[in-house]
Amino acid sequence: MGTSETLTRGAIQFMSAGTGIVHSEHNRHPSSPLRFIQMWFTPRSRGLTPRYGSMPSNLNILQSTWAHLVSDVDNPLNTPVKIHQDVNIYVCLLHKEENIPFVVSDNRQAYFLCMEGDVLVEEKAVENEHNDSGVDGDNKTHMLTTHDAAEVKGKKSLYVKALTDGVHLMMVEMSLTNDSRYR
């Protein structure tokens, strides 16, 4: 594809290898360390046309809200990045003491990544026949610090509270799977 670019804090780069690509990443700065998050999602079909794109950083849209930045090409929602899988990615920036809710729907799951700062995540199970927690209305609280992650499965109401200034969170929400890294 012959592309080259420098990404800044908060930018998104995406690609679909499709039928095949050659790809490499470099830190071209001689003294500043490189820090980024790379995620791979298996597309729902094979043989897609290779594609590449990026979304420039706009930290203002992330402030105090879950900014919906990535969604499925089959989802009519307007997001800056579209991929070929039932995945949604949200990012937010929070100030100390700010709270932000998120509801994980039935038959869905979410992965939180605390990229910067400290947060308290209160997880409230919603009563339904698919609640696998064993107890209807079971509440849990989790503290996440920089680079911590958490997995949430099934219908839950989540309440995230920033314990420090400069909290930077990412949430990947997708169809419920039967596997888990945590048992």
N, C-alpha and C. Protein backbone atom coordinates (compact mmCIF):
# COMPACT_ATOMS: atom_id res chain seq x y z
N MET A 1 0.83 -1.20 0.00
CA MET A 1 0.00 0.00 0.00
C MET A 1 0.86 1.25 0.00
N GLY A 2 2.12 1.12 0.42
CA GLY A 2 3.05 2.23 0.33
C GLY A 2 2.77 3.39 1.24
N THR A 3 2.24 3.14 2.43
CA THR A 3 1.91 4.24 3.33
C THR A 3 2.95 4.35 4.44
N SER A 4 3.09 5.57 4.94
CA SER A 4 3.99 5.84 6.06
C SER A 4 3.42 7.04 6.79
N GLU A 5 3.37 6.98 8.11
CA GLU A 5 2.88 8.11 8.88
C GLU A 5 3.38 8.05 10.30
N THR A 6 3.30 9.18 10.98
CA THR A 6 3.63 9.27 12.39
C THR A 6 2.34 9.47 13.15
N LEU A 7 2.09 8.64 14.14
CA LEU A 7 0.88 8.73 14.95
C LEU A 7 1.19 9.45 16.25
N THR A 8 0.24 10.23 16.72
CA THR A 8 0.40 10.94 17.98
C THR A 8 -0.51 10.31 19.04
N ARG A 9 -0.36 10.75 20.27
CA ARG A 9 -1.15 10.23 21.39
C ARG A 9 -2.64 10.32 21.05
N GLY A 10 -3.33 9.19 21.20
CA GLY A 10 -4.77 9.15 20.97
C GLY A 10 -5.17 8.82 19.54
N ALA A 11 -4.23 8.74 18.62
CA ALA A 11 -4.56 8.42 17.23
C ALA A 11 -4.81 6.92 17.09
N ILE A 12 -5.53 6.56 16.05
CA ILE A 12 -5.81 5.15 15.75
C ILE A 12 -5.32 4.86 14.34
N GLN A 13 -4.64 3.75 14.20
CA GLN A 13 -4.24 3.24 12.89
C GLN A 13 -4.91 1.88 12.74
N PHE A 14 -5.46 1.60 11.57
CA PHE A 14 -6.09 0.31 11.36
C PHE A 14 -5.72 -0.23 9.99
N MET A 15 -5.78 -1.55 9.90
CA MET A 15 -5.53 -2.18 8.61
C MET A 15 -6.22 -3.53 8.57
N SER A 16 -6.49 -3.96 7.37
CA SER A 16 -6.97 -5.30 7.13
C SER A 16 -5.97 -5.96 6.20
N ALA A 17 -5.37 -7.05 6.68
CA ALA A 17 -4.36 -7.73 5.86
C ALA A 17 -5.02 -8.39 4.65
N GLY A 18 -6.28 -8.74 4.76
CA GLY A 18 -7.02 -9.29 3.62
C GLY A 18 -6.29 -10.42 2.93
N THR A 19 -5.97 -10.21 1.66
CA THR A 19 -5.30 -11.25 0.86
C THR A 19 -3.80 -11.23 1.04
N GLY A 20 -3.28 -10.30 1.84
CA GLY A 20 -1.86 -10.29 2.15
C GLY A 20 -1.24 -8.91 2.08
N ILE A 21 -0.37 -8.61 3.04
CA ILE A 21 0.36 -7.34 3.09
C ILE A 21 1.74 -7.57 3.68
N VAL A 22 2.62 -6.59 3.52
CA VAL A 22 3.88 -6.53 4.23
C VAL A 22 3.76 -5.32 5.15
N HIS A 23 4.09 -5.52 6.43
CA HIS A 23 3.87 -4.44 7.41
C HIS A 23 5.01 -4.41 8.41
N SER A 24 5.40 -3.21 8.79
CA SER A 24 6.38 -3.04 9.86
C SER A 24 6.09 -1.74 10.59
N GLU A 25 6.58 -1.66 11.83
CA GLU A 25 6.42 -0.47 12.65
C GLU A 25 7.78 -0.05 13.16
N HIS A 26 8.01 1.24 13.23
CA HIS A 26 9.31 1.76 13.67
C HIS A 26 9.11 2.97 14.55
N ASN A 27 9.96 3.10 15.54
CA ASN A 27 10.04 4.33 16.30
C ASN A 27 11.17 5.14 15.67
N ARG A 28 10.81 6.17 14.96
CA ARG A 28 11.80 6.97 14.24
C ARG A 28 12.42 8.07 15.10
N HIS A 29 11.91 8.22 16.33
CA HIS A 29 12.46 9.25 17.21
C HIS A 29 13.70 8.69 17.89
N PRO A 30 14.81 9.42 17.86
CA PRO A 30 16.06 8.87 18.38
C PRO A 30 16.11 8.69 19.90
N SER A 31 15.29 9.43 20.67
CA SER A 31 15.42 9.32 22.14
C SER A 31 14.11 9.10 22.89
N SER A 32 12.97 9.32 22.26
CA SER A 32 11.70 9.11 22.95
C SER A 32 11.22 7.68 22.79
N PRO A 33 10.79 7.06 23.90
CA PRO A 33 10.29 5.69 23.78
C PRO A 33 8.95 5.65 23.03
N LEU A 34 8.69 4.54 22.41
CA LEU A 34 7.44 4.32 21.68
C LEU A 34 6.49 3.54 22.57
N ARG A 35 5.24 3.97 22.62
CA ARG A 35 4.23 3.26 23.41
C ARG A 35 2.95 3.21 22.59
N PHE A 36 2.47 2.01 22.33
CA PHE A 36 1.21 1.87 21.62
C PHE A 36 0.56 0.55 21.99
N ILE A 37 -0.72 0.44 21.65
CA ILE A 37 -1.47 -0.79 21.91
C ILE A 37 -1.83 -1.37 20.55
N GLN A 38 -1.52 -2.63 20.36
CA GLN A 38 -1.83 -3.30 19.11
C GLN A 38 -2.80 -4.43 19.41
N MET A 39 -3.93 -4.45 18.69
CA MET A 39 -4.94 -5.49 18.85
C MET A 39 -5.23 -6.10 17.49
N TRP A 40 -5.49 -7.39 17.48
CA TRP A 40 -5.83 -8.10 16.26
C TRP A 40 -7.21 -8.74 16.45
N PHE A 41 -8.09 -8.55 15.48
CA PHE A 41 -9.40 -9.18 15.48
C PHE A 41 -9.53 -10.00 14.21
N THR A 42 -9.97 -11.24 14.34
CA THR A 42 -10.17 -12.09 13.18
C THR A 42 -11.42 -11.61 12.44
N PRO A 43 -11.30 -11.26 11.16
CA PRO A 43 -12.48 -10.80 10.42
C PRO A 43 -13.47 -11.95 10.22
N ARG A 44 -14.73 -11.61 9.98
CA ARG A 44 -15.76 -12.63 9.85
C ARG A 44 -15.64 -13.40 8.54
N SER A 45 -14.88 -12.88 7.56
CA SER A 45 -14.70 -13.60 6.30
C SER A 45 -13.27 -13.46 5.82
N ARG A 46 -12.87 -14.38 4.94
CA ARG A 46 -11.52 -14.39 4.39
C ARG A 46 -11.51 -13.70 3.04
N GLY A 47 -10.30 -13.35 2.57
CA GLY A 47 -10.13 -12.82 1.23
C GLY A 47 -10.54 -11.36 1.06
N LEU A 48 -10.63 -10.62 2.16
CA LEU A 48 -11.00 -9.20 2.06
C LEU A 48 -9.89 -8.42 1.36
N THR A 49 -10.26 -7.33 0.74
CA THR A 49 -9.28 -6.45 0.11
C THR A 49 -8.43 -5.80 1.19
N PRO A 50 -7.11 -5.84 1.07
CA PRO A 50 -6.28 -5.15 2.07
C PRO A 50 -6.64 -3.67 2.13
N ARG A 51 -6.65 -3.12 3.33
CA ARG A 51 -6.92 -1.69 3.48
C ARG A 51 -6.17 -1.15 4.68
N TYR A 52 -5.98 0.15 4.66
CA TYR A 52 -5.21 0.82 5.68
C TYR A 52 -5.82 2.20 5.89
N GLY A 53 -5.81 2.67 7.13
CA GLY A 53 -6.29 4.01 7.40
C GLY A 53 -5.91 4.43 8.81
N SER A 54 -6.25 5.65 9.13
CA SER A 54 -5.96 6.14 10.47
C SER A 54 -6.96 7.22 10.84
N MET A 55 -7.06 7.46 12.13
CA MET A 55 -7.88 8.53 12.68
C MET A 55 -6.95 9.40 13.49
N PRO A 56 -6.84 10.67 13.14
CA PRO A 56 -5.95 11.54 13.92
C PRO A 56 -6.48 11.72 15.34
N SER A 57 -5.59 12.08 16.21
CA SER A 57 -5.93 12.28 17.61
C SER A 57 -6.86 13.48 17.77
N ASN A 58 -7.88 13.31 18.59
CA ASN A 58 -8.76 14.41 18.99
C ASN A 58 -9.15 14.13 20.44
N LEU A 59 -8.30 14.51 21.36
CA LEU A 59 -8.52 14.20 22.77
C LEU A 59 -9.77 14.88 23.33
N ASN A 60 -10.24 15.95 22.69
CA ASN A 60 -11.44 16.65 23.17
C ASN A 60 -12.67 15.76 23.12
N ILE A 61 -12.79 14.88 22.11
CA ILE A 61 -13.99 14.04 22.00
C ILE A 61 -14.00 12.91 23.03
N LEU A 62 -12.88 12.69 23.70
CA LEU A 62 -12.76 11.61 24.68
C LEU A 62 -13.09 12.07 26.10
N GLN A 63 -13.13 13.37 26.33
CA GLN A 63 -13.25 13.92 27.68
C GLN A 63 -14.60 13.63 28.31
N SER A 64 -14.59 12.88 29.40
CA SER A 64 -15.76 12.64 30.25
C SER A 64 -16.88 11.86 29.57
N THR A 65 -16.57 11.12 28.51
CA THR A 65 -17.59 10.32 27.82
C THR A 65 -16.92 9.14 27.15
N TRP A 66 -17.70 8.09 26.91
CA TRP A 66 -17.19 6.96 26.14
C TRP A 66 -17.29 7.33 24.67
N ALA A 67 -16.20 7.69 24.05
CA ALA A 67 -16.18 8.02 22.62
C ALA A 67 -16.14 6.71 21.85
N HIS A 68 -17.15 6.49 21.01
CA HIS A 68 -17.27 5.26 20.22
C HIS A 68 -16.44 5.46 18.95
N LEU A 69 -15.25 4.84 18.92
CA LEU A 69 -14.29 5.10 17.84
C LEU A 69 -14.23 4.00 16.79
N VAL A 70 -14.58 2.77 17.14
CA VAL A 70 -14.48 1.64 16.21
C VAL A 70 -15.77 0.83 16.28
N SER A 71 -16.29 0.45 15.10
CA SER A 71 -17.47 -0.42 15.05
C SER A 71 -17.42 -1.30 13.81
N ASP A 72 -18.36 -2.21 13.74
CA ASP A 72 -18.49 -3.17 12.65
C ASP A 72 -18.95 -2.46 11.37
N VAL A 73 -18.41 -2.87 10.23
CA VAL A 73 -18.86 -2.31 8.94
C VAL A 73 -20.34 -2.57 8.72
N ASP A 74 -20.89 -3.62 9.33
CA ASP A 74 -22.31 -3.93 9.18
C ASP A 74 -23.19 -3.17 10.16
N ASN A 75 -22.59 -2.39 11.05
CA ASN A 75 -23.33 -1.59 12.02
C ASN A 75 -23.55 -0.20 11.41
N PRO A 76 -24.81 0.28 11.38
CA PRO A 76 -25.07 1.58 10.77
C PRO A 76 -24.56 2.79 11.56
N LEU A 77 -24.07 2.57 12.78
CA LEU A 77 -23.54 3.69 13.56
C LEU A 77 -22.37 4.35 12.83
N ASN A 78 -22.28 5.64 12.97
CA ASN A 78 -21.20 6.40 12.34
C ASN A 78 -20.03 6.51 13.32
N THR A 79 -18.98 5.72 13.07
CA THR A 79 -17.77 5.80 13.89
C THR A 79 -16.59 6.08 12.97
N PRO A 80 -15.51 6.66 13.49
CA PRO A 80 -14.37 7.00 12.63
C PRO A 80 -13.70 5.79 11.97
N VAL A 81 -13.75 4.63 12.64
CA VAL A 81 -13.09 3.43 12.10
C VAL A 81 -14.11 2.30 12.03
N LYS A 82 -14.11 1.60 10.89
CA LYS A 82 -15.00 0.45 10.67
C LYS A 82 -14.15 -0.79 10.41
N ILE A 83 -14.53 -1.92 11.05
CA ILE A 83 -13.80 -3.17 10.85
C ILE A 83 -14.80 -4.28 10.50
N HIS A 84 -14.29 -5.40 10.04
CA HIS A 84 -15.12 -6.52 9.62
C HIS A 84 -15.30 -7.54 10.74
N GLN A 85 -15.83 -7.07 11.87
CA GLN A 85 -16.09 -7.95 13.00
C GLN A 85 -17.05 -7.23 13.95
N ASP A 86 -17.82 -8.02 14.72
CA ASP A 86 -18.79 -7.49 15.67
C ASP A 86 -18.05 -7.01 16.92
N VAL A 87 -17.35 -5.89 16.78
CA VAL A 87 -16.53 -5.32 17.86
C VAL A 87 -16.78 -3.82 17.91
N ASN A 88 -16.87 -3.30 19.12
CA ASN A 88 -16.96 -1.85 19.35
C ASN A 88 -15.83 -1.46 20.29
N ILE A 89 -15.16 -0.35 19.98
CA ILE A 89 -14.11 0.14 20.87
C ILE A 89 -14.46 1.56 21.29
N TYR A 90 -14.41 1.76 22.60
CA TYR A 90 -14.70 3.05 23.22
C TYR A 90 -13.47 3.50 23.99
N VAL A 91 -13.25 4.81 24.03
CA VAL A 91 -12.13 5.37 24.79
C VAL A 91 -12.64 6.60 25.54
N CYS A 92 -12.10 6.84 26.73
CA CYS A 92 -12.46 8.05 27.47
C CYS A 92 -11.28 8.56 28.27
N LEU A 93 -11.34 9.84 28.58
CA LEU A 93 -10.41 10.52 29.48
C LEU A 93 -11.23 11.07 30.64
N LEU A 94 -10.77 10.83 31.86
CA LEU A 94 -11.52 11.29 33.04
C LEU A 94 -10.62 12.08 33.98
N HIS A 95 -11.24 13.06 34.64
CA HIS A 95 -10.59 13.79 35.72
C HIS A 95 -10.90 13.08 37.03
N LYS A 96 -10.10 13.34 38.04
CA LYS A 96 -10.31 12.75 39.36
C LYS A 96 -11.74 12.98 39.83
N GLU A 97 -12.35 11.94 40.38
CA GLU A 97 -13.70 11.91 40.94
C GLU A 97 -14.81 11.84 39.89
N GLU A 98 -14.47 11.91 38.59
CA GLU A 98 -15.51 11.76 37.56
C GLU A 98 -15.98 10.32 37.51
N ASN A 99 -17.27 10.16 37.23
CA ASN A 99 -17.90 8.84 37.08
C ASN A 99 -18.45 8.70 35.68
N ILE A 100 -18.40 7.48 35.17
CA ILE A 100 -18.94 7.22 33.84
C ILE A 100 -19.54 5.82 33.83
N PRO A 101 -20.81 5.69 33.41
CA PRO A 101 -21.44 4.37 33.38
C PRO A 101 -21.25 3.69 32.02
N PHE A 102 -21.43 2.38 32.00
CA PHE A 102 -21.51 1.62 30.75
C PHE A 102 -22.31 0.36 31.04
N VAL A 103 -23.20 0.01 30.13
CA VAL A 103 -24.00 -1.20 30.27
C VAL A 103 -23.52 -2.23 29.26
N VAL A 104 -23.14 -3.40 29.76
CA VAL A 104 -22.82 -4.52 28.89
C VAL A 104 -24.12 -5.28 28.68
N SER A 105 -24.54 -5.40 27.45
CA SER A 105 -25.82 -6.03 27.13
C SER A 105 -25.75 -7.55 27.26
N ASP A 106 -26.92 -8.16 27.34
CA ASP A 106 -27.00 -9.61 27.37
C ASP A 106 -26.32 -10.18 26.13
N ASN A 107 -25.63 -11.29 26.27
CA ASN A 107 -24.91 -11.96 25.18
C ASN A 107 -23.76 -11.12 24.63
N ARG A 108 -23.22 -10.22 25.46
CA ARG A 108 -22.06 -9.40 25.07
C ARG A 108 -21.01 -9.52 26.16
N GLN A 109 -19.81 -9.07 25.88
CA GLN A 109 -18.73 -9.02 26.86
C GLN A 109 -17.90 -7.79 26.58
N ALA A 110 -17.13 -7.38 27.58
CA ALA A 110 -16.28 -6.19 27.44
C ALA A 110 -14.95 -6.43 28.13
N TYR A 111 -13.92 -5.83 27.57
CA TYR A 111 -12.58 -5.84 28.15
C TYR A 111 -12.18 -4.40 28.40
N PHE A 112 -11.85 -4.09 29.65
CA PHE A 112 -11.37 -2.77 30.02
C PHE A 112 -9.86 -2.78 30.03
N LEU A 113 -9.26 -1.72 29.56
CA LEU A 113 -7.82 -1.51 29.71
C LEU A 113 -7.63 -0.12 30.30
N CYS A 114 -7.01 -0.07 31.47
CA CYS A 114 -6.68 1.21 32.09
C CYS A 114 -5.29 1.61 31.58
N MET A 115 -5.26 2.51 30.61
CA MET A 115 -3.99 2.89 29.98
C MET A 115 -3.19 3.85 30.85
N GLU A 116 -3.90 4.71 31.59
CA GLU A 116 -3.25 5.66 32.49
C GLU A 116 -4.16 5.93 33.67
N GLY A 117 -3.58 6.09 34.85
CA GLY A 117 -4.34 6.47 36.03
C GLY A 117 -4.87 5.29 36.81
N ASP A 118 -5.76 5.60 37.77
CA ASP A 118 -6.37 4.60 38.64
C ASP A 118 -7.87 4.79 38.63
N VAL A 119 -8.61 3.68 38.55
CA VAL A 119 -10.07 3.75 38.56
C VAL A 119 -10.65 2.67 39.47
N LEU A 120 -11.85 2.91 39.90
CA LEU A 120 -12.64 1.93 40.63
C LEU A 120 -13.80 1.56 39.70
N VAL A 121 -13.98 0.27 39.43
CA VAL A 121 -15.06 -0.19 38.57
C VAL A 121 -16.04 -0.98 39.43
N GLU A 122 -17.25 -0.47 39.53
CA GLU A 122 -18.31 -1.17 40.25
C GLU A 122 -19.15 -1.92 39.22
N GLU A 123 -19.26 -3.22 39.42
CA GLU A 123 -19.97 -4.11 38.50
C GLU A 123 -21.24 -4.57 39.18
N LYS A 124 -22.37 -4.25 38.59
CA LYS A 124 -23.66 -4.67 39.15
C LYS A 124 -24.33 -5.61 38.16
N ALA A 125 -24.53 -6.85 38.59
CA ALA A 125 -25.22 -7.82 37.74
C ALA A 125 -26.68 -7.40 37.61
N VAL A 126 -27.22 -7.60 36.42
CA VAL A 126 -28.61 -7.30 36.16
C VAL A 126 -29.34 -8.63 36.14
N GLU A 127 -30.41 -8.72 36.88
CA GLU A 127 -31.12 -9.99 36.97
C GLU A 127 -31.65 -10.42 35.62
N ASN A 128 -31.25 -11.64 35.21
CA ASN A 128 -31.78 -12.27 34.00
C ASN A 128 -31.42 -13.74 34.01
N GLU A 129 -31.99 -14.49 33.07
CA GLU A 129 -31.77 -15.92 33.07
C GLU A 129 -30.36 -16.31 32.62
N HIS A 130 -29.59 -15.39 32.06
CA HIS A 130 -28.26 -15.69 31.57
C HIS A 130 -27.15 -15.21 32.51
N ASN A 131 -27.50 -14.74 33.68
CA ASN A 131 -26.51 -14.26 34.62
C ASN A 131 -25.72 -15.45 35.16
N ASP A 132 -24.44 -15.55 34.76
CA ASP A 132 -23.63 -16.70 35.16
C ASP A 132 -22.85 -16.45 36.45
N SER A 133 -23.17 -15.37 37.15
CA SER A 133 -22.43 -15.08 38.38
C SER A 133 -22.89 -15.98 39.53
N GLY A 134 -24.03 -16.64 39.34
CA GLY A 134 -24.52 -17.53 40.39
C GLY A 134 -25.46 -16.84 41.36
N VAL A 135 -25.42 -15.52 41.42
CA VAL A 135 -26.28 -14.78 42.34
C VAL A 135 -26.86 -13.58 41.60
N ASP A 136 -28.18 -13.50 41.54
CA ASP A 136 -28.79 -12.34 40.92
C ASP A 136 -28.50 -11.11 41.75
N GLY A 137 -28.14 -10.02 41.08
CA GLY A 137 -27.86 -8.78 41.77
C GLY A 137 -26.50 -8.76 42.44
N ASP A 138 -25.62 -9.71 42.13
CA ASP A 138 -24.28 -9.81 42.71
C ASP A 138 -23.46 -8.58 42.29
N ASN A 139 -22.92 -7.83 43.26
CA ASN A 139 -22.12 -6.64 42.97
C ASN A 139 -20.66 -6.92 43.27
N LYS A 140 -19.79 -6.39 42.42
CA LYS A 140 -18.35 -6.55 42.62
C LYS A 140 -17.70 -5.21 42.37
N THR A 141 -16.58 -4.97 43.05
CA THR A 141 -15.81 -3.75 42.85
C THR A 141 -14.38 -4.15 42.51
N HIS A 142 -13.82 -3.50 41.50
CA HIS A 142 -12.46 -3.79 41.05
C HIS A 142 -11.68 -2.49 40.96
N MET A 143 -10.45 -2.50 41.45
CA MET A 143 -9.57 -1.34 41.27
C MET A 143 -8.60 -1.67 40.15
N LEU A 144 -8.51 -0.78 39.18
CA LEU A 144 -7.58 -0.93 38.08
C LEU A 144 -6.59 0.23 38.12
N THR A 145 -5.33 -0.09 37.96
CA THR A 145 -4.29 0.93 37.87
C THR A 145 -3.67 0.85 36.48
N THR A 146 -2.77 1.76 36.18
CA THR A 146 -2.15 1.82 34.86
C THR A 146 -1.70 0.43 34.39
N HIS A 147 -2.15 0.08 33.20
CA HIS A 147 -1.86 -1.18 32.50
C HIS A 147 -2.65 -2.38 33.01
N ASP A 148 -3.56 -2.18 33.96
CA ASP A 148 -4.44 -3.27 34.39
C ASP A 148 -5.57 -3.43 33.39
N ALA A 149 -6.10 -4.65 33.33
CA ALA A 149 -7.24 -4.94 32.46
C ALA A 149 -8.25 -5.77 33.23
N ALA A 150 -9.49 -5.75 32.75
CA ALA A 150 -10.56 -6.54 33.36
C ALA A 150 -11.50 -7.03 32.27
N GLU A 151 -12.08 -8.19 32.52
CA GLU A 151 -13.03 -8.81 31.60
C GLU A 151 -14.40 -8.84 32.27
N VAL A 152 -15.44 -8.47 31.53
CA VAL A 152 -16.80 -8.50 32.05
C VAL A 152 -17.65 -9.26 31.04
N LYS A 153 -18.39 -10.26 31.52
CA LYS A 153 -19.21 -11.08 30.62
C LYS A 153 -20.67 -11.03 31.04
N GLY A 154 -21.54 -10.91 30.07
CA GLY A 154 -22.97 -10.94 30.33
C GLY A 154 -23.51 -9.59 30.73
N LYS A 155 -24.80 -9.57 30.95
CA LYS A 155 -25.52 -8.32 31.21
C LYS A 155 -25.11 -7.74 32.56
N LYS A 156 -24.44 -6.58 32.51
CA LYS A 156 -23.96 -5.92 33.73
C LYS A 156 -24.04 -4.41 33.54
N SER A 157 -24.30 -3.72 34.62
CA SER A 157 -24.17 -2.26 34.66
C SER A 157 -22.84 -1.95 35.32
N LEU A 158 -22.03 -1.16 34.66
CA LEU A 158 -20.72 -0.80 35.17
C LEU A 158 -20.68 0.69 35.47
N TYR A 159 -20.00 1.02 36.57
CA TYR A 159 -19.82 2.41 36.97
C TYR A 159 -18.33 2.60 37.23
N VAL A 160 -17.72 3.46 36.47
CA VAL A 160 -16.28 3.69 36.56
C VAL A 160 -16.05 5.04 37.23
N LYS A 161 -15.21 5.05 38.26
CA LYS A 161 -14.88 6.29 38.96
C LYS A 161 -13.38 6.51 38.90
N ALA A 162 -12.98 7.69 38.43
CA ALA A 162 -11.56 8.05 38.37
C ALA A 162 -11.06 8.37 39.76
N LEU A 163 -9.99 7.69 40.16
CA LEU A 163 -9.38 7.94 41.46
C LEU A 163 -8.22 8.92 41.36
N THR A 164 -7.74 9.15 40.15
CA THR A 164 -6.64 10.09 39.89
C THR A 164 -7.01 10.96 38.71
N ASP A 165 -6.28 12.03 38.53
CA ASP A 165 -6.43 12.86 37.33
C ASP A 165 -5.76 12.16 36.15
N GLY A 166 -6.21 12.47 34.95
CA GLY A 166 -5.57 11.96 33.75
C GLY A 166 -5.84 10.50 33.48
N VAL A 167 -7.00 9.99 33.88
CA VAL A 167 -7.35 8.60 33.59
C VAL A 167 -7.65 8.46 32.11
N HIS A 168 -7.06 7.44 31.49
CA HIS A 168 -7.25 7.14 30.07
C HIS A 168 -7.66 5.67 29.98
N LEU A 169 -8.91 5.42 29.56
CA LEU A 169 -9.46 4.08 29.52
C LEU A 169 -9.85 3.68 28.11
N MET A 170 -9.74 2.38 27.83
CA MET A 170 -10.25 1.83 26.59
C MET A 170 -11.12 0.63 26.94
N MET A 171 -12.24 0.50 26.22
CA MET A 171 -13.10 -0.65 26.41
C MET A 171 -13.39 -1.27 25.05
N VAL A 172 -13.20 -2.57 24.96
CA VAL A 172 -13.51 -3.34 23.76
C VAL A 172 -14.74 -4.16 24.10
N GLU A 173 -15.84 -3.94 23.38
CA GLU A 173 -17.11 -4.61 23.64
C GLU A 173 -17.44 -5.46 22.42
N MET A 174 -17.85 -6.72 22.67
CA MET A 174 -18.08 -7.64 21.55
C MET A 174 -19.08 -8.73 21.94
N SER A 175 -19.39 -9.55 20.97
CA SER A 175 -20.27 -10.69 21.18
C SER A 175 -19.68 -11.62 22.24
N LEU A 176 -20.55 -12.19 23.06
CA LEU A 176 -20.13 -13.08 24.14
C LEU A 176 -19.50 -14.35 23.58
N THR A 177 -18.37 -14.74 24.14
CA THR A 177 -17.71 -15.99 23.78
C THR A 177 -17.74 -16.92 24.98
N ASN A 178 -17.45 -18.18 24.74
CA ASN A 178 -17.44 -19.17 25.83
C ASN A 178 -16.08 -19.32 26.47
N ASP A 179 -15.06 -18.68 25.89
CA ASP A 179 -13.72 -18.80 26.46
C ASP A 179 -13.40 -17.59 27.32
N SER A 180 -12.33 -17.71 28.07
CA SER A 180 -11.91 -16.63 28.94
C SER A 180 -10.45 -16.83 29.29
N ARG A 181 -9.73 -15.75 29.46
CA ARG A 181 -8.35 -15.84 29.95
C ARG A 181 -8.35 -16.07 31.45
N TYR A 182 -9.46 -15.75 32.10
CA TYR A 182 -9.55 -15.84 33.56
C TYR A 182 -10.60 -16.85 33.93
N ARG A 183 -10.25 -17.83 34.69
CA ARG A 183 -11.21 -18.87 35.09
C ARG A 183 -11.34 -18.92 36.59
